[in-house]
Amino acid sequence: MQLIINGKPRSFDAENFTVAQLVAQLNLEGKRLAIECNGEIVPRSQFADKQLTDGDKLEIVGAVGGG
């Protein structure tokens, strides 16, 4: 499967892939993230249900703390 993540093409060996599986594959579990898929925000509560398809465009942004 080919996905565009933050403007860069990435390939994954999967046919059925969810946002939750993508987060795990990218080692981003437990991080505070906002994920947009094809222009729509994916709520964290839907990560496990949101199926990705070949060619999807994702933007992944991590929260940065500090003071």
Protein backbone atom coordinates (compact mmCIF):
# COMPACT_ATOMS: atom_id res chain seq x y z
CA MET A 1 0.00 0.00 0.00
CA GLN A 2 1.27 3.46 -0.91
CA LEU A 3 0.42 6.39 1.38
CA ILE A 4 1.48 10.03 1.30
CA ILE A 5 2.48 11.04 4.85
CA ASN A 6 3.33 14.68 5.48
CA GLY A 7 3.96 15.12 1.76
CA LYS A 8 6.28 12.12 1.35
CA PRO A 9 5.35 8.80 -0.28
CA ARG A 10 5.67 5.74 1.99
CA SER A 11 5.06 2.09 1.15
CA PHE A 12 3.66 -0.49 3.57
CA ASP A 13 3.23 -4.25 3.24
CA ALA A 14 -0.46 -4.37 4.03
CA GLU A 15 -3.75 -4.48 2.18
CA ASN A 16 -6.06 -3.79 5.14
CA PHE A 17 -4.50 -1.04 7.21
CA THR A 18 -6.09 1.15 9.87
CA VAL A 19 -4.88 4.45 11.30
CA ALA A 20 -4.15 2.62 14.59
CA GLN A 21 -1.95 0.11 12.75
CA LEU A 22 -0.17 2.96 10.97
CA VAL A 23 0.51 4.69 14.31
CA ALA A 24 1.98 1.43 15.65
CA GLN A 25 4.05 0.88 12.48
CA LEU A 26 5.52 4.38 12.82
CA ASN A 27 6.28 3.85 16.54
CA LEU A 28 4.04 6.75 17.54
CA GLU A 29 1.92 4.89 20.12
CA GLY A 30 1.30 6.83 23.31
CA LYS A 31 2.18 10.16 21.71
CA ARG A 32 -0.22 13.09 21.48
CA LEU A 33 -1.10 13.21 17.78
CA ALA A 34 -3.48 14.84 15.38
CA ILE A 35 -4.04 12.92 12.17
CA GLU A 36 -5.75 14.19 9.07
CA CYS A 37 -6.70 11.80 6.27
CA ASN A 38 -7.60 13.29 2.89
CA GLY A 39 -8.40 16.63 4.48
CA GLU A 40 -10.51 15.31 7.36
CA ILE A 41 -9.40 15.04 11.00
CA VAL A 42 -9.54 11.47 12.32
CA PRO A 43 -10.60 11.50 16.00
CA ARG A 44 -8.40 9.30 18.21
CA SER A 45 -11.52 7.28 19.12
CA GLN A 46 -11.75 6.25 15.44
CA PHE A 47 -8.10 5.29 14.84
CA ALA A 48 -8.89 1.56 15.12
CA ASP A 49 -11.89 1.80 12.76
CA LYS A 50 -10.57 4.15 10.07
CA GLN A 51 -9.44 2.03 7.13
CA LEU A 52 -6.74 3.44 4.90
CA THR A 53 -6.67 2.87 1.16
CA ASP A 54 -3.90 3.03 -1.39
CA GLY A 55 -3.05 6.64 -2.22
CA ASP A 56 -4.52 8.23 0.93
CA LYS A 57 -2.89 11.51 1.94
CA LEU A 58 -2.20 11.89 5.66
CA GLU A 59 -0.85 14.70 7.76
CA ILE A 60 0.45 13.65 11.17
CA VAL A 61 1.25 16.34 13.73
CA GLY A 62 2.61 15.70 17.21
CA ALA A 63 1.96 17.96 20.17
CA VAL A 64 5.05 19.56 21.70
CA GLY A 65 5.05 20.53 25.34
CA GLY A 66 7.18 23.10 26.98
CA GLY A 67 7.12 26.34 28.78
